[in-house]
Amino acid sequence: MDSTSEDPLFYTVLEAVRRIVTSIEYGLQFNEDNIEIEEPAGNHFKLPRQQWLGELRVAVKFFEENEYYEDCARCIRAIEQLEAEPTIEQIIRQVSNHAQPKNDD
């Protein structure tokens, strides 16, 4: 970790990854379909909910490698919350099951 402690690029990346994680946490809290991320250069881009899990997994790896364990814990909590949500297939199956007519013979 000593090589990164004085590297300004590392801290730019660190803050960018933290910004993404914080935005995902906000999106989860308010049940958003997508979030807006501000890049260090000031540009904005939207990140759809379908991509949050992948972004969080990359963030966990980054934080683990650099020994930022509190940030890892934040990511893991968000991952667990996303993984607990029903999948599209589960939702379709549930809607289909309720839409089938019942035979009352």
PDB file of N, CA and C in Angstrom:
ATOM      1  N   MET A   1       0.818  -1.182   0.000  1.00  0.00           N
ATOM      2  CA  MET A   1       0.000   0.000   0.000  1.00  0.00           C
ATOM      3  C   MET A   1       0.866   1.251   0.000  1.00  0.00           C
ATOM      4  N   ASP A   2       2.150   1.135   0.288  1.00  0.00           N
ATOM      5  CA  ASP A   2       3.021   2.294   0.315  1.00  0.00           C
ATOM      6  C   ASP A   2       3.151   2.962  -1.049  1.00  0.00           C
ATOM      7  N   SER A   3       3.151   2.159  -2.117  1.00  0.00           N
ATOM      8  CA  SER A   3       3.310   2.734  -3.447  1.00  0.00           C
ATOM      9  C   SER A   3       2.114   3.585  -3.840  1.00  0.00           C
ATOM     10  N   THR A   4       0.945   3.299  -3.289  1.00  0.00           N
ATOM     11  CA  THR A   4      -0.238   4.075  -3.636  1.00  0.00           C
ATOM     12  C   THR A   4      -0.452   5.265  -2.713  1.00  0.00           C
ATOM     13  N   SER A   5       0.214   5.269  -1.558  1.00  0.00           N
ATOM     14  CA  SER A   5      -0.062   6.307  -0.566  1.00  0.00           C
ATOM     15  C   SER A   5       0.322   7.704  -1.036  1.00  0.00           C
ATOM     16  N   GLU A   6       1.202   7.811  -1.995  1.00  0.00           N
ATOM     17  CA  GLU A   6       1.611   9.124  -2.478  1.00  0.00           C
ATOM     18  C   GLU A   6       1.223   9.355  -3.932  1.00  0.00           C
ATOM     19  N   ASP A   7       0.440   8.484  -4.500  1.00  0.00           N
ATOM     20  CA  ASP A   7       0.074   8.552  -5.905  1.00  0.00           C
ATOM     21  C   ASP A   7      -1.245   9.311  -6.081  1.00  0.00           C
ATOM     22  N   PRO A   8      -1.220  10.503  -6.681  1.00  0.00           N
ATOM     23  CA  PRO A   8      -2.463  11.268  -6.845  1.00  0.00           C
ATOM     24  C   PRO A   8      -3.473  10.564  -7.764  1.00  0.00           C
ATOM     25  N   LEU A   9      -2.993   9.792  -8.730  1.00  0.00           N
ATOM     26  CA  LEU A   9      -3.900   9.058  -9.605  1.00  0.00           C
ATOM     27  C   LEU A   9      -4.674   8.006  -8.808  1.00  0.00           C
ATOM     28  N   PHE A  10      -3.988   7.356  -7.876  1.00  0.00           N
ATOM     29  CA  PHE A  10      -4.660   6.370  -7.036  1.00  0.00           C
ATOM     30  C   PHE A  10      -5.817   7.018  -6.287  1.00  0.00           C
ATOM     31  N   TYR A  11      -5.590   8.179  -5.707  1.00  0.00           N
ATOM     32  CA  TYR A  11      -6.642   8.843  -4.939  1.00  0.00           C
ATOM     33  C   TYR A  11      -7.780   9.330  -5.827  1.00  0.00           C
ATOM     34  N   THR A  12      -7.491   9.658  -7.063  1.00  0.00           N
ATOM     35  CA  THR A  12      -8.542  10.020  -8.011  1.00  0.00           C
ATOM     36  C   THR A  12      -9.422   8.803  -8.285  1.00  0.00           C
ATOM     37  N   VAL A  13      -8.781   7.659  -8.502  1.00  0.00           N
ATOM     38  CA  VAL A  13      -9.526   6.415  -8.740  1.00  0.00           C
ATOM     39  C   VAL A  13     -10.298   6.021  -7.490  1.00  0.00           C
ATOM     40  N   LEU A  14      -9.669   6.105  -6.329  1.00  0.00           N
ATOM     41  CA  LEU A  14     -10.322   5.771  -5.064  1.00  0.00           C
ATOM     42  C   LEU A  14     -11.597   6.587  -4.880  1.00  0.00           C
ATOM     43  N   GLU A  15     -11.508   7.877  -5.080  1.00  0.00           N
ATOM     44  CA  GLU A  15     -12.685   8.741  -4.913  1.00  0.00           C
ATOM     45  C   GLU A  15     -13.747   8.446  -5.957  1.00  0.00           C
ATOM     46  N   ALA A  16     -13.345   8.117  -7.175  1.00  0.00           N
ATOM     47  CA  ALA A  16     -14.312   7.781  -8.225  1.00  0.00           C
ATOM     48  C   ALA A  16     -15.063   6.490  -7.873  1.00  0.00           C
ATOM     49  N   VAL A  17     -14.339   5.489  -7.387  1.00  0.00           N
ATOM     50  CA  VAL A  17     -14.978   4.220  -7.004  1.00  0.00           C
ATOM     51  C   VAL A  17     -15.906   4.459  -5.818  1.00  0.00           C
ATOM     52  N   ARG A  18     -15.464   5.222  -4.847  1.00  0.00           N
ATOM     53  CA  ARG A  18     -16.329   5.540  -3.700  1.00  0.00           C
ATOM     54  C   ARG A  18     -17.581   6.291  -4.140  1.00  0.00           C
ATOM     55  N   ARG A  19     -17.436   7.177  -5.096  1.00  0.00           N
ATOM     56  CA  ARG A  19     -18.577   7.954  -5.594  1.00  0.00           C
ATOM     57  C   ARG A  19     -19.607   7.020  -6.240  1.00  0.00           C
ATOM     58  N   ILE A  20     -19.140   6.036  -6.987  1.00  0.00           N
ATOM     59  CA  ILE A  20     -20.046   5.073  -7.614  1.00  0.00           C
ATOM     60  C   ILE A  20     -20.773   4.255  -6.548  1.00  0.00           C
ATOM     61  N   VAL A  21     -20.035   3.778  -5.552  1.00  0.00           N
ATOM     62  CA  VAL A  21     -20.643   2.982  -4.481  1.00  0.00           C
ATOM     63  C   VAL A  21     -21.682   3.808  -3.727  1.00  0.00           C
ATOM     64  N   THR A  22     -21.364   5.037  -3.406  1.00  0.00           N
ATOM     65  CA  THR A  22     -22.307   5.909  -2.698  1.00  0.00           C
ATOM     66  C   THR A  22     -23.560   6.139  -3.532  1.00  0.00           C
ATOM     67  N   SER A  23     -23.384   6.330  -4.832  1.00  0.00           N
ATOM     68  CA  SER A  23     -24.533   6.534  -5.717  1.00  0.00           C
ATOM     69  C   SER A  23     -25.409   5.292  -5.787  1.00  0.00           C
ATOM     70  N   ILE A  24     -24.782   4.119  -5.817  1.00  0.00           N
ATOM     71  CA  ILE A  24     -25.550   2.873  -5.825  1.00  0.00           C
ATOM     72  C   ILE A  24     -26.312   2.717  -4.513  1.00  0.00           C
ATOM     73  N   GLU A  25     -25.680   3.034  -3.399  1.00  0.00           N
ATOM     74  CA  GLU A  25     -26.371   2.967  -2.103  1.00  0.00           C
ATOM     75  C   GLU A  25     -27.596   3.886  -2.109  1.00  0.00           C
ATOM     76  N   TYR A  26     -27.442   5.073  -2.645  1.00  0.00           N
ATOM     77  CA  TYR A  26     -28.553   6.019  -2.756  1.00  0.00           C
ATOM     78  C   TYR A  26     -29.654   5.418  -3.632  1.00  0.00           C
ATOM     79  N   GLY A  27     -29.256   4.846  -4.773  1.00  0.00           N
ATOM     80  CA  GLY A  27     -30.229   4.239  -5.675  1.00  0.00           C
ATOM     81  C   GLY A  27     -31.001   3.109  -5.022  1.00  0.00           C
ATOM     82  N   LEU A  28     -30.322   2.312  -4.223  1.00  0.00           N
ATOM     83  CA  LEU A  28     -30.986   1.231  -3.497  1.00  0.00           C
ATOM     84  C   LEU A  28     -31.952   1.791  -2.453  1.00  0.00           C
ATOM     85  N   GLN A  29     -31.505   2.791  -1.734  1.00  0.00           N
ATOM     86  CA  GLN A  29     -32.332   3.377  -0.676  1.00  0.00           C
ATOM     87  C   GLN A  29     -33.627   3.947  -1.232  1.00  0.00           C
ATOM     88  N   PHE A  30     -33.562   4.568  -2.409  1.00  0.00           N
ATOM     89  CA  PHE A  30     -34.734   5.217  -2.984  1.00  0.00           C
ATOM     90  C   PHE A  30     -35.323   4.437  -4.154  1.00  0.00           C
ATOM     91  N   ASN A  31     -34.910   3.167  -4.310  1.00  0.00           N
ATOM     92  CA  ASN A  31     -35.451   2.257  -5.312  1.00  0.00           C
ATOM     93  C   ASN A  31     -35.428   2.861  -6.724  1.00  0.00           C
ATOM     94  N   GLU A  32     -34.290   3.397  -7.096  1.00  0.00           N
ATOM     95  CA  GLU A  32     -34.120   4.010  -8.415  1.00  0.00           C
ATOM     96  C   GLU A  32     -33.841   2.942  -9.468  1.00  0.00           C
ATOM     97  N   ASP A  33     -34.207   3.247 -10.717  1.00  0.00           N
ATOM     98  CA  ASP A  33     -33.909   2.342 -11.836  1.00  0.00           C
ATOM     99  C   ASP A  33     -32.521   2.595 -12.400  1.00  0.00           C
ATOM    100  N   ASN A  34     -32.032   3.810 -12.260  1.00  0.00           N
ATOM    101  CA  ASN A  34     -30.668   4.143 -12.668  1.00  0.00           C
ATOM    102  C   ASN A  34     -30.179   5.297 -11.815  1.00  0.00           C
ATOM    103  N   ILE A  35     -28.890   5.474 -11.813  1.00  0.00           N
ATOM    104  CA  ILE A  35     -28.289   6.555 -11.041  1.00  0.00           C
ATOM    105  C   ILE A  35     -27.407   7.380 -11.959  1.00  0.00           C
ATOM    106  N   GLU A  36     -27.172   8.600 -11.572  1.00  0.00           N
ATOM    107  CA  GLU A  36     -26.279   9.461 -12.336  1.00  0.00           C
ATOM    108  C   GLU A  36     -24.958   9.567 -11.588  1.00  0.00           C
ATOM    109  N   ILE A  37     -23.878   9.333 -12.318  1.00  0.00           N
ATOM    110  CA  ILE A  37     -22.533   9.359 -11.749  1.00  0.00           C
ATOM    111  C   ILE A  37     -21.793  10.556 -12.332  1.00  0.00           C
ATOM    112  N   GLU A  38     -21.098  11.281 -11.467  1.00  0.00           N
ATOM    113  CA  GLU A  38     -20.245  12.367 -11.943  1.00  0.00           C
ATOM    114  C   GLU A  38     -18.807  11.873 -11.964  1.00  0.00           C
ATOM    115  N   GLU A  39     -18.192  11.951 -13.129  1.00  0.00           N
ATOM    116  CA  GLU A  39     -16.793  11.571 -13.275  1.00  0.00           C
ATOM    117  C   GLU A  39     -15.908  12.674 -12.712  1.00  0.00           C
ATOM    118  N   PRO A  40     -14.657  12.350 -12.373  1.00  0.00           N
ATOM    119  CA  PRO A  40     -13.744  13.373 -11.848  1.00  0.00           C
ATOM    120  C   PRO A  40     -13.598  14.580 -12.783  1.00  0.00           C
ATOM    121  N   ALA A  41     -13.736  14.361 -14.085  1.00  0.00           N
ATOM    122  CA  ALA A  41     -13.609  15.459 -15.043  1.00  0.00           C
ATOM    123  C   ALA A  41     -14.861  16.333 -15.089  1.00  0.00           C
ATOM    124  N   GLY A  42     -15.912  15.921 -14.374  1.00  0.00           N
ATOM    125  CA  GLY A  42     -17.134  16.712 -14.331  1.00  0.00           C
ATOM    126  C   GLY A  42     -18.229  16.216 -15.251  1.00  0.00           C
ATOM    127  N   ASN A  43     -17.921  15.241 -16.103  1.00  0.00           N
ATOM    128  CA  ASN A  43     -18.941  14.665 -16.978  1.00  0.00           C
ATOM    129  C   ASN A  43     -19.883  13.789 -16.166  1.00  0.00           C
ATOM    130  N   HIS A  44     -21.105  13.642 -16.650  1.00  0.00           N
ATOM    131  CA  HIS A  44     -22.095  12.802 -15.973  1.00  0.00           C
ATOM    132  C   HIS A  44     -22.499  11.659 -16.894  1.00  0.00           C
ATOM    133  N   PHE A  45     -22.780  10.514 -16.300  1.00  0.00           N
ATOM    134  CA  PHE A  45     -23.333   9.397 -17.072  1.00  0.00           C
ATOM    135  C   PHE A  45     -24.310   8.627 -16.194  1.00  0.00           C
ATOM    136  N   LYS A  46     -25.273   7.988 -16.852  1.00  0.00           N
ATOM    137  CA  LYS A  46     -26.265   7.202 -16.122  1.00  0.00           C
ATOM    138  C   LYS A  46     -25.813   5.747 -16.060  1.00  0.00           C
ATOM    139  N   LEU A  47     -26.028   5.158 -14.909  1.00  0.00           N
ATOM    140  CA  LEU A  47     -25.682   3.761 -14.688  1.00  0.00           C
ATOM    141  C   LEU A  47     -26.976   3.017 -14.359  1.00  0.00           C
ATOM    142  N   PRO A  48     -27.444   2.152 -15.291  1.00  0.00           N
ATOM    143  CA  PRO A  48     -28.692   1.423 -15.033  1.00  0.00           C
ATOM    144  C   PRO A  48     -28.530   0.383 -13.929  1.00  0.00           C
ATOM    145  N   ARG A  49     -29.623   0.113 -13.249  1.00  0.00           N
ATOM    146  CA  ARG A  49     -29.632  -0.815 -12.119  1.00  0.00           C
ATOM    147  C   ARG A  49     -29.062  -2.182 -12.490  1.00  0.00           C
ATOM    148  N   GLN A  50     -29.276  -2.625 -13.721  1.00  0.00           N
ATOM    149  CA  GLN A  50     -28.783  -3.927 -14.150  1.00  0.00           C
ATOM    150  C   GLN A  50     -27.262  -4.016 -14.069  1.00  0.00           C
ATOM    151  N   GLN A  51     -26.567  -2.900 -14.056  1.00  0.00           N
ATOM    152  CA  GLN A  51     -25.105  -2.903 -14.020  1.00  0.00           C
ATOM    153  C   GLN A  51     -24.531  -2.699 -12.625  1.00  0.00           C
ATOM    154  N   TRP A  52     -25.369  -2.424 -11.652  1.00  0.00           N
ATOM    155  CA  TRP A  52     -24.870  -2.114 -10.314  1.00  0.00           C
ATOM    156  C   TRP A  52     -24.105  -3.263  -9.692  1.00  0.00           C
ATOM    157  N   LEU A  53     -24.615  -4.476  -9.838  1.00  0.00           N
ATOM    158  CA  LEU A  53     -23.966  -5.632  -9.214  1.00  0.00           C
ATOM    159  C   LEU A  53     -22.546  -5.804  -9.747  1.00  0.00           C
ATOM    160  N   GLY A  54     -22.378  -5.688 -11.043  1.00  0.00           N
ATOM    161  CA  GLY A  54     -21.047  -5.806 -11.642  1.00  0.00           C
ATOM    162  C   GLY A  54     -20.103  -4.729 -11.152  1.00  0.00           C
ATOM    163  N   GLU A  55     -20.590  -3.502 -11.064  1.00  0.00           N
ATOM    164  CA  GLU A  55     -19.772  -2.390 -10.575  1.00  0.00           C
ATOM    165  C   GLU A  55     -19.360  -2.616  -9.127  1.00  0.00           C
ATOM    166  N   LEU A  56     -20.285  -3.121  -8.321  1.00  0.00           N
ATOM    167  CA  LEU A  56     -19.976  -3.372  -6.904  1.00  0.00           C
ATOM    168  C   LEU A  56     -18.951  -4.481  -6.739  1.00  0.00           C
ATOM    169  N   ARG A  57     -19.024  -5.496  -7.580  1.00  0.00           N
ATOM    170  CA  ARG A  57     -18.048  -6.587  -7.481  1.00  0.00           C
ATOM    171  C   ARG A  57     -16.648  -6.105  -7.838  1.00  0.00           C
ATOM    172  N   VAL A  58     -16.557  -5.238  -8.835  1.00  0.00           N
ATOM    173  CA  VAL A  58     -15.258  -4.650  -9.193  1.00  0.00           C
ATOM    174  C   VAL A  58     -14.757  -3.776  -8.042  1.00  0.00           C
ATOM    175  N   ALA A  59     -15.661  -3.013  -7.445  1.00  0.00           N
ATOM    176  CA  ALA A  59     -15.291  -2.136  -6.333  1.00  0.00           C
ATOM    177  C   ALA A  59     -14.773  -2.945  -5.144  1.00  0.00           C
ATOM    178  N   VAL A  60     -15.430  -4.057  -4.821  1.00  0.00           N
ATOM    179  CA  VAL A  60     -14.976  -4.901  -3.707  1.00  0.00           C
ATOM    180  C   VAL A  60     -13.547  -5.356  -3.960  1.00  0.00           C
ATOM    181  N   LYS A  61     -13.286  -5.818  -5.167  1.00  0.00           N
ATOM    182  CA  LYS A  61     -11.943  -6.297  -5.514  1.00  0.00           C
ATOM    183  C   LYS A  61     -10.918  -5.172  -5.344  1.00  0.00           C
ATOM    184  N   PHE A  62     -11.251  -3.981  -5.840  1.00  0.00           N
ATOM    185  CA  PHE A  62     -10.358  -2.823  -5.724  1.00  0.00           C
ATOM    186  C   PHE A  62     -10.088  -2.500  -4.256  1.00  0.00           C
ATOM    187  N   PHE A  63     -11.145  -2.423  -3.451  1.00  0.00           N
ATOM    188  CA  PHE A  63     -10.977  -2.081  -2.041  1.00  0.00           C
ATOM    189  C   PHE A  63     -10.210  -3.167  -1.280  1.00  0.00           C
ATOM    190  N   GLU A  64     -10.473  -4.434  -1.583  1.00  0.00           N
ATOM    191  CA  GLU A  64      -9.747  -5.524  -0.923  1.00  0.00           C
ATOM    192  C   GLU A  64      -8.256  -5.449  -1.226  1.00  0.00           C
ATOM    193  N   GLU A  65      -7.930  -5.270  -2.495  1.00  0.00           N
ATOM    194  CA  GLU A  65      -6.521  -5.224  -2.902  1.00  0.00           C
ATOM    195  C   GLU A  65      -5.771  -4.068  -2.243  1.00  0.00           C
ATOM    196  N   ASN A  66      -6.478  -3.002  -1.941  1.00  0.00           N
ATOM    197  CA  ASN A  66      -5.847  -1.825  -1.347  1.00  0.00           C
ATOM    198  C   ASN A  66      -6.128  -1.679   0.139  1.00  0.00           C
ATOM    199  N   GLU A  67      -6.744  -2.722   0.731  1.00  0.00           N
ATOM    200  CA  GLU A  67      -6.981  -2.814   2.174  1.00  0.00           C
ATOM    201  C   GLU A  67      -7.880  -1.700   2.720  1.00  0.00           C
ATOM    202  N   TYR A  68      -8.916  -1.380   1.969  1.00  0.00           N
ATOM    203  CA  TYR A  68      -9.943  -0.441   2.427  1.00  0.00           C
ATOM    204  C   TYR A  68     -11.161  -1.271   2.823  1.00  0.00           C
ATOM    205  N   TYR A  69     -11.091  -1.881   4.010  1.00  0.00           N
ATOM    206  CA  TYR A  69     -12.073  -2.877   4.401  1.00  0.00           C
ATOM    207  C   TYR A  69     -13.438  -2.296   4.751  1.00  0.00           C
ATOM    208  N   GLU A  70     -13.511  -1.080   5.247  1.00  0.00           N
ATOM    209  CA  GLU A  70     -14.816  -0.471   5.503  1.00  0.00           C
ATOM    210  C   GLU A  70     -15.564  -0.246   4.197  1.00  0.00           C
ATOM    211  N   ASP A  71     -14.830   0.151   3.167  1.00  0.00           N
ATOM    212  CA  ASP A  71     -15.449   0.318   1.858  1.00  0.00           C
ATOM    213  C   ASP A  71     -15.900  -1.033   1.304  1.00  0.00           C
ATOM    214  N   CYS A  72     -15.120  -2.079   1.546  1.00  0.00           N
ATOM    215  CA  CYS A  72     -15.510  -3.442   1.146  1.00  0.00           C
ATOM    216  C   CYS A  72     -16.851  -3.801   1.785  1.00  0.00           C
ATOM    217  N   ALA A  73     -16.976  -3.512   3.059  1.00  0.00           N
ATOM    218  CA  ALA A  73     -18.203  -3.853   3.787  1.00  0.00           C
ATOM    219  C   ALA A  73     -19.408  -3.127   3.193  1.00  0.00           C
ATOM    220  N   ARG A  74     -19.237  -1.878   2.830  1.00  0.00           N
ATOM    221  CA  ARG A  74     -20.332  -1.122   2.189  1.00  0.00           C
ATOM    222  C   ARG A  74     -20.761  -1.815   0.894  1.00  0.00           C
ATOM    223  N   CYS A  75     -19.788  -2.225   0.105  1.00  0.00           N
ATOM    224  CA  CYS A  75     -20.079  -2.898  -1.169  1.00  0.00           C
ATOM    225  C   CYS A  75     -20.794  -4.219  -0.934  1.00  0.00           C
ATOM    226  N   ILE A  76     -20.319  -4.982   0.026  1.00  0.00           N
ATOM    227  CA  ILE A  76     -20.903  -6.293   0.306  1.00  0.00           C
ATOM    228  C   ILE A  76     -22.353  -6.146   0.760  1.00  0.00           C
ATOM    229  N   ARG A  77     -22.641  -5.157   1.588  1.00  0.00           N
ATOM    230  CA  ARG A  77     -24.031  -4.918   2.012  1.00  0.00           C
ATOM    231  C   ARG A  77     -24.914  -4.604   0.807  1.00  0.00           C
ATOM    232  N   ALA A  78     -24.418  -3.770  -0.097  1.00  0.00           N
ATOM    233  CA  ALA A  78     -25.195  -3.407  -1.289  1.00  0.00           C
ATOM    234  C   ALA A  78     -25.374  -4.620  -2.202  1.00  0.00           C
ATOM    235  N   ILE A  79     -24.327  -5.437  -2.348  1.00  0.00           N
ATOM    236  CA  ILE A  79     -24.421  -6.650  -3.164  1.00  0.00           C
ATOM    237  C   ILE A  79     -25.480  -7.588  -2.595  1.00  0.00           C
ATOM    238  N   GLU A  80     -25.461  -7.777  -1.284  1.00  0.00           N
ATOM    239  CA  GLU A  80     -26.438  -8.659  -0.638  1.00  0.00           C
ATOM    240  C   GLU A  80     -27.859  -8.149  -0.861  1.00  0.00           C
ATOM    241  N   GLN A  81     -28.029  -6.846  -0.802  1.00  0.00           N
ATOM    242  CA  GLN A  81     -29.351  -6.268  -1.017  1.00  0.00           C
ATOM    243  C   GLN A  81     -29.801  -6.494  -2.468  1.00  0.00           C
ATOM    244  N   LEU A  82     -28.903  -6.294  -3.423  1.00  0.00           N
ATOM    245  CA  LEU A  82     -29.257  -6.512  -4.827  1.00  0.00           C
ATOM    246  C   LEU A  82     -29.536  -7.989  -5.106  1.00  0.00           C
ATOM    247  N   GLU A  83     -28.732  -8.865  -4.526  1.00  0.00           N
ATOM    248  CA  GLU A  83     -28.929 -10.296  -4.755  1.00  0.00           C
ATOM    249  C   GLU A  83     -30.222 -10.808  -4.131  1.00  0.00           C
ATOM    250  N   ALA A  84     -30.743 -10.116  -3.135  1.00  0.00           N
ATOM    251  CA  ALA A  84     -31.992 -10.522  -2.492  1.00  0.00           C
ATOM    252  C   ALA A  84     -33.217 -10.098  -3.308  1.00  0.00           C
ATOM    253  N   GLU A  85     -33.039  -9.211  -4.267  1.00  0.00           N
ATOM    254  CA  GLU A  85     -34.152  -8.768  -5.093  1.00  0.00           C
ATOM    255  C   GLU A  85     -34.560  -9.882  -6.049  1.00  0.00           C
ATOM    256  N   PRO A  86     -35.846  -9.976  -6.362  1.00  0.00           N
ATOM    257  CA  PRO A  86     -36.274 -11.013  -7.308  1.00  0.00           C
ATOM    258  C   PRO A  86     -35.710 -10.750  -8.705  1.00  0.00           C
ATOM    259  N   THR A  87     -35.436 -11.826  -9.419  1.00  0.00           N
ATOM    260  CA  THR A  87     -34.941 -11.691 -10.785  1.00  0.00           C
ATOM    261  C   THR A  87     -36.117 -11.441 -11.726  1.00  0.00           C
ATOM    262  N   ILE A  88     -35.816 -11.029 -12.925  1.00  0.00           N
ATOM    263  CA  ILE A  88     -36.858 -10.790 -13.923  1.00  0.00           C
ATOM    264  C   ILE A  88     -37.639 -12.085 -14.172  1.00  0.00           C
ATOM    265  N   GLU A  89     -36.921 -13.201 -14.248  1.00  0.00           N
ATOM    266  CA  GLU A  89     -37.583 -14.483 -14.479  1.00  0.00           C
ATOM    267  C   GLU A  89     -38.566 -14.814 -13.355  1.00  0.00           C
ATOM    268  N   GLN A  90     -38.175 -14.541 -12.115  1.00  0.00           N
ATOM    269  CA  GLN A  90     -39.059 -14.808 -10.982  1.00  0.00           C
ATOM    270  C   GLN A  90     -40.304 -13.926 -11.039  1.00  0.00           C
ATOM    271  N   ILE A  91     -40.124 -12.680 -11.414  1.00  0.00           N
ATOM    272  CA  ILE A  91     -41.259 -11.756 -11.509  1.00  0.00           C
ATOM    273  C   ILE A  91     -42.215 -12.205 -12.607  1.00  0.00           C
ATOM    274  N   ILE A  92     -41.670 -12.573 -13.770  1.00  0.00           N
ATOM    275  CA  ILE A  92     -42.511 -13.029 -14.883  1.00  0.00           C
ATOM    276  C   ILE A  92     -43.279 -14.287 -14.482  1.00  0.00           C
ATOM    277  N   ARG A  93     -42.590 -15.224 -13.831  1.00  0.00           N
ATOM    278  CA  ARG A  93     -43.245 -16.457 -13.401  1.00  0.00           C
ATOM    279  C   ARG A  93     -44.370 -16.154 -12.420  1.00  0.00           C
ATOM    280  N   GLN A  94     -44.137 -15.241 -11.485  1.00  0.00           N
ATOM    281  CA  GLN A  94     -45.147 -14.900 -10.493  1.00  0.00           C
ATOM    282  C   GLN A  94     -46.354 -14.238 -11.150  1.00  0.00           C
ATOM    283  N   VAL A  95     -46.106 -13.318 -12.079  1.00  0.00           N
ATOM    284  CA  VAL A  95     -47.203 -12.644 -12.777  1.00  0.00           C
ATOM    285  C   VAL A  95     -47.969 -13.652 -13.627  1.00  0.00           C
ATOM    286  N   SER A  96     -47.251 -14.539 -14.310  1.00  0.00           N
ATOM    287  CA  SER A  96     -47.897 -15.557 -15.150  1.00  0.00           C
ATOM    288  C   SER A  96     -48.759 -16.497 -14.316  1.00  0.00           C
ATOM    289  N   ASN A  97     -48.257 -16.896 -13.164  1.00  0.00           N
ATOM    290  CA  ASN A  97     -49.019 -17.792 -12.295  1.00  0.00           C
ATOM    291  C   ASN A  97     -50.308 -17.142 -11.808  1.00  0.00           C
ATOM    292  N   HIS A  98     -50.278 -15.856 -11.525  1.00  0.00           N
ATOM    293  CA  HIS A  98     -51.473 -15.156 -11.046  1.00  0.00           C
ATOM    294  C   HIS A  98     -52.438 -14.853 -12.178  1.00  0.00           C
ATOM    295  N   ALA A  99     -51.942 -14.803 -13.394  1.00  0.00           N
ATOM    296  CA  ALA A  99     -52.788 -14.455 -14.533  1.00  0.00           C
ATOM    297  C   ALA A  99     -53.521 -15.663 -15.103  1.00  0.00           C
ATOM    298  N   GLN A 100     -53.107 -16.865 -14.744  1.00  0.00           N
ATOM    299  CA  GLN A 100     -53.765 -18.072 -15.276  1.00  0.00           C
ATOM    300  C   GLN A 100     -55.131 -18.236 -14.635  1.00  0.00           C
ATOM    301  N   PRO A 101     -56.122 -18.570 -15.469  1.00  0.00           N
ATOM    302  CA  PRO A 101     -57.471 -18.776 -14.899  1.00  0.00           C
ATOM    303  C   PRO A 101     -57.489 -20.008 -14.003  1.00  0.00           C
ATOM    304  N   LYS A 102     -58.264 -19.922 -12.977  1.00  0.00           N
ATOM    305  CA  LYS A 102     -58.360 -21.030 -12.038  1.00  0.00           C
ATOM    306  C   LYS A 102     -59.537 -21.913 -12.420  1.00  0.00           C
ATOM    307  N   ASN A 103     -59.307 -23.195 -12.368  1.00  0.00           N
ATOM    308  CA  ASN A 103     -60.378 -24.163 -12.653  1.00  0.00           C
ATOM    309  C   ASN A 103     -61.044 -24.524 -11.348  1.00  0.00           C
ATOM    310  N   ASP A 104     -62.310 -24.181 -11.220  1.00  0.00           N
ATOM    311  CA  ASP A 104     -63.065 -24.489 -10.007  1.00  0.00           C
ATOM    312  C   ASP A 104     -64.040 -25.612 -10.289  1.00  0.00           C
ATOM    313  N   ASP A 105     -63.555 -26.731 -10.795  1.00  0.00           N
ATOM    314  CA  ASP A 105     -64.421 -27.859 -11.137  1.00  0.00           C
ATOM    315  C   ASP A 105     -64.837 -28.618  -9.919  1.00  0.00           C
TER     316      ASP A 105
END
